[in-house]
């Protein structure tokens, strides 16, 4: 699978209606990614960074090499909406057992700490990959930087 094939698969997986709509959302010049997919040209560091800024769950290592999973810790993309504090936490504590309320708060703290850890790990991994690209350890397109 080529870089263009992986990019095309990623665009579809992220639910974009078209390559053009993905380019618009990411903020790159139209036809850049379309050309990568169609002709097999490479894209530059700045365009990868734009993808990462809009879609932090994307595993840039997978996008560049095909190794690993497409998305970093898929749990992280859905966990936030599924684990927000219960609506009942907004109710007065007197409406139910205080011990139950405290335990519920403790449970939410654990979940939020896990999410912070996940985000820190994802950020460090992405920053490491971006640093490797900047140093030239990974060459995306040796002929031009777009």
C-alpha atoms as a PDB file:
ATOM      1  CA  UNK A   1       0.000   0.000   0.000  1.00  0.00           C
ATOM      2  CA  UNK A   2       1.456   3.379  -1.006  1.00  0.00           C
ATOM      3  CA  UNK A   3       1.335   6.622   0.944  1.00  0.00           C
ATOM      4  CA  UNK A   4      -1.441   7.777  -1.403  1.00  0.00           C
ATOM      5  CA  UNK A   5      -3.416   4.584  -0.775  1.00  0.00           C
ATOM      6  CA  UNK A   6      -3.109   5.078   2.982  1.00  0.00           C
ATOM      7  CA  UNK A   7      -4.115   8.732   2.684  1.00  0.00           C
ATOM      8  CA  UNK A   8      -7.168   7.779   0.635  1.00  0.00           C
ATOM      9  CA  UNK A   9      -8.140   5.109   3.185  1.00  0.00           C
ATOM     10  CA  UNK A  10      -7.661   7.582   6.019  1.00  0.00           C
ATOM     11  CA  UNK A  11      -9.866  10.183   4.336  1.00  0.00           C
ATOM     12  CA  UNK A  12     -12.637   7.608   3.916  1.00  0.00           C
ATOM     13  CA  UNK A  13     -12.228   6.290   7.468  1.00  0.00           C
ATOM     14  CA  UNK A  14     -12.475   9.796   8.915  1.00  0.00           C
ATOM     15  CA  UNK A  15     -15.803  10.180   7.114  1.00  0.00           C
ATOM     16  CA  UNK A  16     -14.946  12.911   4.637  1.00  0.00           C
ATOM     17  CA  UNK A  17     -17.368  13.079   1.719  1.00  0.00           C
ATOM     18  CA  UNK A  18     -14.550  13.693  -0.748  1.00  0.00           C
ATOM     19  CA  UNK A  19     -10.838  14.385  -0.990  1.00  0.00           C
ATOM     20  CA  UNK A  20     -11.678  18.032  -1.687  1.00  0.00           C
ATOM     21  CA  UNK A  21     -13.777  18.346   1.472  1.00  0.00           C
ATOM     22  CA  UNK A  22     -10.908  16.774   3.438  1.00  0.00           C
ATOM     23  CA  UNK A  23      -8.443  19.249   1.905  1.00  0.00           C
ATOM     24  CA  UNK A  24     -10.748  22.117   2.843  1.00  0.00           C
ATOM     25  CA  UNK A  25     -11.166  20.887   6.416  1.00  0.00           C
ATOM     26  CA  UNK A  26      -7.443  20.329   6.894  1.00  0.00           C
ATOM     27  CA  UNK A  27      -6.633  23.670   5.257  1.00  0.00           C
ATOM     28  CA  UNK A  28      -4.416  22.644   2.369  1.00  0.00           C
ATOM     29  CA  UNK A  29      -4.510  23.839  -1.202  1.00  0.00           C
ATOM     30  CA  UNK A  30      -7.099  21.973  -3.224  1.00  0.00           C
ATOM     31  CA  UNK A  31      -5.816  19.144  -5.394  1.00  0.00           C
ATOM     32  CA  UNK A  32      -2.705  18.572  -3.211  1.00  0.00           C
ATOM     33  CA  UNK A  33      -4.004  15.358  -1.641  1.00  0.00           C
ATOM     34  CA  UNK A  34      -5.924  14.427  -4.780  1.00  0.00           C
ATOM     35  CA  UNK A  35      -2.623  14.461  -6.673  1.00  0.00           C
ATOM     36  CA  UNK A  36      -0.921  12.416  -3.958  1.00  0.00           C
ATOM     37  CA  UNK A  37      -3.644   9.786  -4.281  1.00  0.00           C
ATOM     38  CA  UNK A  38      -3.966   9.859  -8.067  1.00  0.00           C
ATOM     39  CA  UNK A  39      -0.356  10.263  -9.193  1.00  0.00           C
ATOM     40  CA  UNK A  40       1.562   9.031  -6.182  1.00  0.00           C
ATOM     41  CA  UNK A  41       3.384  12.256  -5.421  1.00  0.00           C
ATOM     42  CA  UNK A  42       4.460  12.969  -1.872  1.00  0.00           C
ATOM     43  CA  UNK A  43       3.288  15.714   0.430  1.00  0.00           C
ATOM     44  CA  UNK A  44       5.334  17.834   2.771  1.00  0.00           C
ATOM     45  CA  UNK A  45       5.769  18.154   6.504  1.00  0.00           C
ATOM     46  CA  UNK A  46       3.448  21.160   6.754  1.00  0.00           C
ATOM     47  CA  UNK A  47       0.559  19.251   5.209  1.00  0.00           C
ATOM     48  CA  UNK A  48       1.102  16.331   7.587  1.00  0.00           C
ATOM     49  CA  UNK A  49       1.144  18.748  10.482  1.00  0.00           C
ATOM     50  CA  UNK A  50      -2.176  20.203   9.303  1.00  0.00           C
ATOM     51  CA  UNK A  51      -3.708  16.714   9.269  1.00  0.00           C
ATOM     52  CA  UNK A  52      -2.393  16.115  12.788  1.00  0.00           C
ATOM     53  CA  UNK A  53      -3.759  19.432  14.082  1.00  0.00           C
ATOM     54  CA  UNK A  54      -7.285  18.668  12.848  1.00  0.00           C
ATOM     55  CA  UNK A  55      -7.202  14.905  13.481  1.00  0.00           C
ATOM     56  CA  UNK A  56      -4.949  14.266  16.497  1.00  0.00           C
ATOM     57  CA  UNK A  57      -6.055  10.636  16.589  1.00  0.00           C
ATOM     58  CA  UNK A  58      -4.277   9.914  13.279  1.00  0.00           C
ATOM     59  CA  UNK A  59      -1.140   7.811  13.630  1.00  0.00           C
ATOM     60  CA  UNK A  60       1.315   9.696  11.419  1.00  0.00           C
ATOM     61  CA  UNK A  61       3.755   6.790  11.624  1.00  0.00           C
ATOM     62  CA  UNK A  62       1.126   4.562   9.994  1.00  0.00           C
ATOM     63  CA  UNK A  63       0.377   7.211   7.379  1.00  0.00           C
ATOM     64  CA  UNK A  64       4.048   7.488   6.435  1.00  0.00           C
ATOM     65  CA  UNK A  65       5.140   3.862   6.701  1.00  0.00           C
ATOM     66  CA  UNK A  66       2.055   1.668   6.853  1.00  0.00           C
ATOM     67  CA  UNK A  67       3.252   0.247  10.166  1.00  0.00           C
ATOM     68  CA  UNK A  68       0.963   0.093  13.178  1.00  0.00           C
ATOM     69  CA  UNK A  69      -2.653   1.133  13.425  1.00  0.00           C
ATOM     70  CA  UNK A  70      -4.275   3.922  11.436  1.00  0.00           C
ATOM     71  CA  UNK A  71      -5.644   5.600  14.544  1.00  0.00           C
ATOM     72  CA  UNK A  72      -3.845   6.051  17.810  1.00  0.00           C
ATOM     73  CA  UNK A  73      -5.755   4.466  20.637  1.00  0.00           C
ATOM     74  CA  UNK A  74      -9.220   4.479  19.071  1.00  0.00           C
ATOM     75  CA  UNK A  75     -10.597   4.665  22.607  1.00  0.00           C
ATOM     76  CA  UNK A  76      -9.313   8.212  22.833  1.00  0.00           C
ATOM     77  CA  UNK A  77     -11.544   9.424  20.006  1.00  0.00           C
ATOM     78  CA  UNK A  78     -14.753   8.215  21.641  1.00  0.00           C
ATOM     79  CA  UNK A  79     -13.871   7.974  25.313  1.00  0.00           C
ATOM     80  CA  UNK A  80     -14.362  11.655  25.980  1.00  0.00           C
ATOM     81  CA  UNK A  81     -18.003  11.795  25.051  1.00  0.00           C
ATOM     82  CA  UNK A  82     -18.776   8.422  26.622  1.00  0.00           C
ATOM     83  CA  UNK A  83     -17.145   9.042  29.971  1.00  0.00           C
ATOM     84  CA  UNK A  84     -18.096  12.569  30.872  1.00  0.00           C
ATOM     85  CA  UNK A  85     -19.496  12.928  34.376  1.00  0.00           C
ATOM     86  CA  UNK A  86     -22.985  11.629  34.891  1.00  0.00           C
ATOM     87  CA  UNK A  87     -25.819  14.108  34.607  1.00  0.00           C
ATOM     88  CA  UNK A  88     -26.727  13.163  38.172  1.00  0.00           C
ATOM     89  CA  UNK A  89     -23.510  14.797  39.374  1.00  0.00           C
ATOM     90  CA  UNK A  90     -25.163  18.116  38.665  1.00  0.00           C
ATOM     91  CA  UNK A  91     -27.957  17.221  41.088  1.00  0.00           C
ATOM     92  CA  UNK A  92     -27.697  18.279  44.703  1.00  0.00           C
ATOM     93  CA  UNK A  93     -25.792  15.762  46.757  1.00  0.00           C
ATOM     94  CA  UNK A  94     -28.731  15.468  49.126  1.00  0.00           C
ATOM     95  CA  UNK A  95     -30.784  13.735  46.415  1.00  0.00           C
ATOM     96  CA  UNK A  96     -28.811  10.502  46.884  1.00  0.00           C
ATOM     97  CA  UNK A  97     -26.289   8.848  49.163  1.00  0.00           C
ATOM     98  CA  UNK A  98     -23.238  11.016  49.872  1.00  0.00           C
ATOM     99  CA  UNK A  99     -20.869   8.023  49.766  1.00  0.00           C
ATOM    100  CA  UNK A 100     -22.242   7.124  46.350  1.00  0.00           C
ATOM    101  CA  UNK A 101     -21.689  10.706  45.202  1.00  0.00           C
ATOM    102  CA  UNK A 102     -18.087  10.733  46.443  1.00  0.00           C
ATOM    103  CA  UNK A 103     -17.346   7.387  44.785  1.00  0.00           C
ATOM    104  CA  UNK A 104     -18.829   8.646  41.539  1.00  0.00           C
ATOM    105  CA  UNK A 105     -16.563  11.702  41.685  1.00  0.00           C
ATOM    106  CA  UNK A 106     -13.531   9.504  42.376  1.00  0.00           C
ATOM    107  CA  UNK A 107     -14.428   7.296  39.419  1.00  0.00           C
ATOM    108  CA  UNK A 108     -14.653  10.340  37.168  1.00  0.00           C
ATOM    109  CA  UNK A 109     -11.261  11.578  38.386  1.00  0.00           C
ATOM    110  CA  UNK A 110      -9.680   8.237  37.456  1.00  0.00           C
ATOM    111  CA  UNK A 111     -11.246   8.378  33.997  1.00  0.00           C
ATOM    112  CA  UNK A 112     -10.091  11.952  33.440  1.00  0.00           C
ATOM    113  CA  UNK A 113      -6.555  11.120  34.601  1.00  0.00           C
ATOM    114  CA  UNK A 114      -6.481   8.201  32.142  1.00  0.00           C
ATOM    115  CA  UNK A 115      -7.582  10.520  29.354  1.00  0.00           C
ATOM    116  CA  UNK A 116      -4.879  13.054  30.235  1.00  0.00           C
ATOM    117  CA  UNK A 117      -2.273  10.285  30.171  1.00  0.00           C
ATOM    118  CA  UNK A 118      -3.489   9.104  26.768  1.00  0.00           C
ATOM    119  CA  UNK A 119      -3.390  12.624  25.364  1.00  0.00           C
ATOM    120  CA  UNK A 120       0.125  13.214  26.714  1.00  0.00           C
ATOM    121  CA  UNK A 121       1.360   9.957  25.158  1.00  0.00           C
ATOM    122  CA  UNK A 122      -0.261  10.736  21.810  1.00  0.00           C
ATOM    123  CA  UNK A 123       1.188  14.237  21.832  1.00  0.00           C
ATOM    124  CA  UNK A 124       4.679  12.974  22.674  1.00  0.00           C
ATOM    125  CA  UNK A 125       4.515  10.323  19.924  1.00  0.00           C
ATOM    126  CA  UNK A 126       3.375  12.841  17.342  1.00  0.00           C
ATOM    127  CA  UNK A 127       5.937  15.409  18.392  1.00  0.00           C
ATOM    128  CA  UNK A 128       8.678  12.780  18.183  1.00  0.00           C
ATOM    129  CA  UNK A 129       7.582  11.863  14.671  1.00  0.00           C
ATOM    130  CA  UNK A 130       7.428  15.517  13.625  1.00  0.00           C
ATOM    131  CA  UNK A 131      10.927  16.068  15.072  1.00  0.00           C
ATOM    132  CA  UNK A 132      12.204  13.095  13.050  1.00  0.00           C
ATOM    133  CA  UNK A 133      10.704  14.614   9.906  1.00  0.00           C
ATOM    134  CA  UNK A 134      12.273  18.006  10.670  1.00  0.00           C
ATOM    135  CA  UNK A 135      15.704  16.437  11.268  1.00  0.00           C
ATOM    136  CA  UNK A 136      15.464  14.531   8.003  1.00  0.00           C
ATOM    137  CA  UNK A 137      15.366  11.081   9.617  1.00  0.00           C
ATOM    138  CA  UNK A 138      12.132  10.564   7.692  1.00  0.00           C
ATOM    139  CA  UNK A 139      11.981  12.031   4.207  1.00  0.00           C
ATOM    140  CA  UNK A 140       8.518  12.606   2.862  1.00  0.00           C
ATOM    141  CA  UNK A 141       9.464  14.299  -0.376  1.00  0.00           C
ATOM    142  CA  UNK A 142      13.129  14.872  -1.091  1.00  0.00           C
ATOM    143  CA  UNK A 143      12.442  17.139  -4.083  1.00  0.00           C
ATOM    144  CA  UNK A 144      10.097  19.800  -2.660  1.00  0.00           C
ATOM    145  CA  UNK A 145       8.445  20.982   0.529  1.00  0.00           C
ATOM    146  CA  UNK A 146       4.776  21.917   0.125  1.00  0.00           C
END
